[in-house]
């Protein structure tokens, strides 16, 4: 999978692909994290 990068265009294309993977991971992880942070706390009843 790792191949030598001979030109600037090869390098830019490789970096752009990695950037798209990072963006997709962020767009999946952020809503999940946001729901986790903003979930309502459950009421706890305390008996005497």
PDB file of N, CA and C in Angstrom:
ATOM      1  N   UNK A   1       0.827  -1.191   0.000  1.00  0.00           N
ATOM      2  CA  UNK A   1       0.000   0.000   0.000  1.00  0.00           C
ATOM      3  C   UNK A   1       0.871   1.254   0.000  1.00  0.00           C
ATOM      4  N   UNK A   2       2.015   1.193   0.632  1.00  0.00           N
ATOM      5  CA  UNK A   2       2.918   2.340   0.628  1.00  0.00           C
ATOM      6  C   UNK A   2       3.763   2.273  -0.631  1.00  0.00           C
ATOM      7  N   UNK A   3       3.680   3.330  -1.405  1.00  0.00           N
ATOM      8  CA  UNK A   3       4.464   3.372  -2.633  1.00  0.00           C
ATOM      9  C   UNK A   3       5.294   4.648  -2.645  1.00  0.00           C
ATOM     10  N   UNK A   4       6.373   4.660  -3.377  1.00  0.00           N
ATOM     11  CA  UNK A   4       7.206   5.869  -3.402  1.00  0.00           C
ATOM     12  C   UNK A   4       6.485   7.018  -4.106  1.00  0.00           C
ATOM     13  N   UNK A   5       6.651   8.198  -3.561  1.00  0.00           N
ATOM     14  CA  UNK A   5       6.032   9.395  -4.135  1.00  0.00           C
ATOM     15  C   UNK A   5       7.115  10.170  -4.878  1.00  0.00           C
ATOM     16  N   UNK A   6       6.998  10.200  -6.199  1.00  0.00           N
ATOM     17  CA  UNK A   6       8.050  10.803  -7.014  1.00  0.00           C
ATOM     18  C   UNK A   6       7.802  12.273  -7.325  1.00  0.00           C
ATOM     19  N   UNK A   7       6.546  12.688  -7.354  1.00  0.00           N
ATOM     20  CA  UNK A   7       6.255  14.069  -7.725  1.00  0.00           C
ATOM     21  C   UNK A   7       5.419  14.732  -6.642  1.00  0.00           C
ATOM     22  N   UNK A   8       5.333  16.034  -6.747  1.00  0.00           N
ATOM     23  CA  UNK A   8       4.517  16.801  -5.809  1.00  0.00           C
ATOM     24  C   UNK A   8       3.044  16.441  -5.969  1.00  0.00           C
ATOM     25  N   UNK A   9       2.607  16.142  -7.185  1.00  0.00           N
ATOM     26  CA  UNK A   9       1.218  15.768  -7.419  1.00  0.00           C
ATOM     27  C   UNK A   9       0.905  14.441  -6.742  1.00  0.00           C
ATOM     28  N   UNK A  10       1.832  13.482  -6.792  1.00  0.00           N
ATOM     29  CA  UNK A  10       1.637  12.212  -6.096  1.00  0.00           C
ATOM     30  C   UNK A  10       1.501  12.438  -4.590  1.00  0.00           C
ATOM     31  N   UNK A  11       2.360  13.269  -4.043  1.00  0.00           N
ATOM     32  CA  UNK A  11       2.327  13.572  -2.613  1.00  0.00           C
ATOM     33  C   UNK A  11       1.021  14.265  -2.232  1.00  0.00           C
ATOM     34  N   UNK A  12       0.607  15.251  -3.016  1.00  0.00           N
ATOM     35  CA  UNK A  12      -0.614  16.001  -2.734  1.00  0.00           C
ATOM     36  C   UNK A  12      -1.831  15.087  -2.807  1.00  0.00           C
ATOM     37  N   UNK A  13      -1.869  14.194  -3.780  1.00  0.00           N
ATOM     38  CA  UNK A  13      -2.989  13.260  -3.908  1.00  0.00           C
ATOM     39  C   UNK A  13      -3.044  12.327  -2.702  1.00  0.00           C
ATOM     40  N   UNK A  14      -1.905  11.852  -2.247  1.00  0.00           N
ATOM     41  CA  UNK A  14      -1.836  10.975  -1.079  1.00  0.00           C
ATOM     42  C   UNK A  14      -2.338  11.697   0.173  1.00  0.00           C
ATOM     43  N   UNK A  15      -1.859  12.912   0.388  1.00  0.00           N
ATOM     44  CA  UNK A  15      -2.267  13.689   1.558  1.00  0.00           C
ATOM     45  C   UNK A  15      -3.752  14.019   1.491  1.00  0.00           C
ATOM     46  N   UNK A  16      -4.262  14.323   0.301  1.00  0.00           N
ATOM     47  CA  UNK A  16      -5.673  14.659   0.149  1.00  0.00           C
ATOM     48  C   UNK A  16      -6.546  13.460   0.511  1.00  0.00           C
ATOM     49  N   UNK A  17      -6.137  12.260   0.144  1.00  0.00           N
ATOM     50  CA  UNK A  17      -6.890  11.062   0.511  1.00  0.00           C
ATOM     51  C   UNK A  17      -6.935  10.855   2.007  1.00  0.00           C
ATOM     52  N   UNK A  18      -5.803  11.060   2.660  1.00  0.00           N
ATOM     53  CA  UNK A  18      -5.753  10.941   4.120  1.00  0.00           C
ATOM     54  C   UNK A  18      -6.631  12.007   4.769  1.00  0.00           C
ATOM     55  N   UNK A  19      -6.617  13.201   4.209  1.00  0.00           N
ATOM     56  CA  UNK A  19      -7.440  14.285   4.743  1.00  0.00           C
ATOM     57  C   UNK A  19      -8.922  13.936   4.656  1.00  0.00           C
ATOM     58  N   UNK A  20      -9.354  13.348   3.564  1.00  0.00           N
ATOM     59  CA  UNK A  20     -10.754  12.957   3.429  1.00  0.00           C
ATOM     60  C   UNK A  20     -11.124  11.877   4.445  1.00  0.00           C
ATOM     61  N   UNK A  21     -10.230  10.947   4.711  1.00  0.00           N
ATOM     62  CA  UNK A  21     -10.503   9.924   5.718  1.00  0.00           C
ATOM     63  C   UNK A  21     -10.641  10.539   7.105  1.00  0.00           C
ATOM     64  N   UNK A  22      -9.793  11.509   7.417  1.00  0.00           N
ATOM     65  CA  UNK A  22      -9.881  12.190   8.713  1.00  0.00           C
ATOM     66  C   UNK A  22     -11.201  12.949   8.824  1.00  0.00           C
ATOM     67  N   UNK A  23     -11.624  13.602   7.746  1.00  0.00           N
ATOM     68  CA  UNK A  23     -12.890  14.348   7.758  1.00  0.00           C
ATOM     69  C   UNK A  23     -14.085  13.420   7.974  1.00  0.00           C
ATOM     70  N   UNK A  24     -14.099  12.293   7.289  1.00  0.00           N
ATOM     71  CA  UNK A  24     -15.193  11.336   7.457  1.00  0.00           C
ATOM     72  C   UNK A  24     -15.224  10.820   8.891  1.00  0.00           C
ATOM     73  N   UNK A  25     -14.068  10.518   9.450  1.00  0.00           N
ATOM     74  CA  UNK A  25     -14.011  10.046  10.837  1.00  0.00           C
ATOM     75  C   UNK A  25     -14.540  11.116  11.792  1.00  0.00           C
ATOM     76  N   UNK A  26     -14.194  12.374  11.545  1.00  0.00           N
ATOM     77  CA  UNK A  26     -14.677  13.461  12.406  1.00  0.00           C
ATOM     78  C   UNK A  26     -16.186  13.611  12.296  1.00  0.00           C
ATOM     79  N   UNK A  27     -16.711  13.565  11.064  1.00  0.00           N
ATOM     80  CA  UNK A  27     -18.157  13.749  10.872  1.00  0.00           C
ATOM     81  C   UNK A  27     -18.969  12.595  11.444  1.00  0.00           C
ATOM     82  N   UNK A  28     -18.359  11.450  11.656  1.00  0.00           N
ATOM     83  CA  UNK A  28     -19.042  10.337  12.313  1.00  0.00           C
ATOM     84  C   UNK A  28     -18.888  10.448  13.828  1.00  0.00           C
ATOM     85  N   UNK A  29     -17.690  10.777  14.294  1.00  0.00           N
ATOM     86  CA  UNK A  29     -17.417  10.776  15.732  1.00  0.00           C
ATOM     87  C   UNK A  29     -18.024  11.978  16.453  1.00  0.00           C
ATOM     88  N   UNK A  30     -18.070  13.140  15.820  1.00  0.00           N
ATOM     89  CA  UNK A  30     -18.547  14.334  16.520  1.00  0.00           C
ATOM     90  C   UNK A  30     -20.011  14.234  16.944  1.00  0.00           C
ATOM     91  N   UNK A  31     -20.946  13.816  16.062  1.00  0.00           N
ATOM     92  CA  UNK A  31     -22.336  13.701  16.539  1.00  0.00           C
ATOM     93  C   UNK A  31     -22.506  12.685  17.661  1.00  0.00           C
ATOM     94  N   UNK A  32     -21.756  11.589  17.608  1.00  0.00           N
ATOM     95  CA  UNK A  32     -21.831  10.597  18.681  1.00  0.00           C
ATOM     96  C   UNK A  32     -21.326  11.199  19.983  1.00  0.00           C
ATOM     97  N   UNK A  33     -20.209  11.897  19.935  1.00  0.00           N
ATOM     98  CA  UNK A  33     -19.666  12.551  21.132  1.00  0.00           C
ATOM     99  C   UNK A  33     -20.622  13.623  21.646  1.00  0.00           C
ATOM    100  N   UNK A  34     -21.221  14.392  20.752  1.00  0.00           N
ATOM    101  CA  UNK A  34     -22.138  15.465  21.137  1.00  0.00           C
ATOM    102  C   UNK A  34     -23.365  14.892  21.845  1.00  0.00           C
ATOM    103  N   UNK A  35     -23.904  13.781  21.335  1.00  0.00           N
ATOM    104  CA  UNK A  35     -25.043  13.150  21.998  1.00  0.00           C
ATOM    105  C   UNK A  35     -24.647  12.633  23.380  1.00  0.00           C
ATOM    106  N   UNK A  36     -23.456  12.084  23.497  1.00  0.00           N
ATOM    107  CA  UNK A  36     -22.980  11.563  24.782  1.00  0.00           C
ATOM    108  C   UNK A  36     -22.832  12.694  25.806  1.00  0.00           C
ATOM    109  N   UNK A  37     -22.281  13.817  25.389  1.00  0.00           N
ATOM    110  CA  UNK A  37     -22.055  14.935  26.310  1.00  0.00           C
ATOM    111  C   UNK A  37     -23.372  15.581  26.728  1.00  0.00           C
ATOM    112  N   UNK A  38     -24.337  15.656  25.832  1.00  0.00           N
ATOM    113  CA  UNK A  38     -25.573  16.383  26.113  1.00  0.00           C
ATOM    114  C   UNK A  38     -26.743  15.509  26.548  1.00  0.00           C
ATOM    115  N   UNK A  39     -26.492  14.265  26.903  1.00  0.00           N
ATOM    116  CA  UNK A  39     -27.606  13.436  27.356  1.00  0.00           C
ATOM    117  C   UNK A  39     -28.046  13.886  28.731  1.00  0.00           C
ATOM    118  N   UNK A  40     -29.351  13.751  28.978  1.00  0.00           N
ATOM    119  CA  UNK A  40     -29.920  14.186  30.250  1.00  0.00           C
ATOM    120  C   UNK A  40     -29.558  13.211  31.354  1.00  0.00           C
ATOM    121  N   UNK A  41     -29.299  13.763  32.512  1.00  0.00           N
ATOM    122  CA  UNK A  41     -29.000  12.917  33.669  1.00  0.00           C
ATOM    123  C   UNK A  41     -30.300  12.297  34.165  1.00  0.00           C
ATOM    124  N   UNK A  42     -30.235  11.028  34.536  1.00  0.00           N
ATOM    125  CA  UNK A  42     -31.411  10.334  35.049  1.00  0.00           C
ATOM    126  C   UNK A  42     -31.646  10.742  36.501  1.00  0.00           C
ATOM    127  N   UNK A  43     -32.919  10.870  36.843  1.00  0.00           N
ATOM    128  CA  UNK A  43     -33.259  11.231  38.219  1.00  0.00           C
ATOM    129  C   UNK A  43     -32.990  10.056  39.143  1.00  0.00           C
ATOM    130  N   UNK A  44     -32.404  10.354  40.272  1.00  0.00           N
ATOM    131  CA  UNK A  44     -32.086   9.320  41.252  1.00  0.00           C
ATOM    132  C   UNK A  44     -32.921   9.582  42.502  1.00  0.00           C
ATOM    133  N   UNK A  45     -33.655   8.566  42.923  1.00  0.00           N
ATOM    134  CA  UNK A  45     -34.451   8.715  44.150  1.00  0.00           C
ATOM    135  C   UNK A  45     -33.661   8.153  45.324  1.00  0.00           C
ATOM    136  N   UNK A  46     -33.674   8.885  46.412  1.00  0.00           N
ATOM    137  CA  UNK A  46     -32.939   8.485  47.610  1.00  0.00           C
ATOM    138  C   UNK A  46     -33.942   8.151  48.696  1.00  0.00           C
ATOM    139  N   UNK A  47     -33.822   6.941  49.249  1.00  0.00           N
ATOM    140  CA  UNK A  47     -34.723   6.522  50.334  1.00  0.00           C
ATOM    141  C   UNK A  47     -34.044   6.728  51.678  1.00  0.00           C
ATOM    142  N   UNK A  48     -34.823   7.145  52.641  1.00  0.00           N
ATOM    143  CA  UNK A  48     -34.303   7.355  53.989  1.00  0.00           C
ATOM    144  C   UNK A  48     -34.416   6.128  54.822  1.00  0.00           C
TER     145      UNK A  48
END
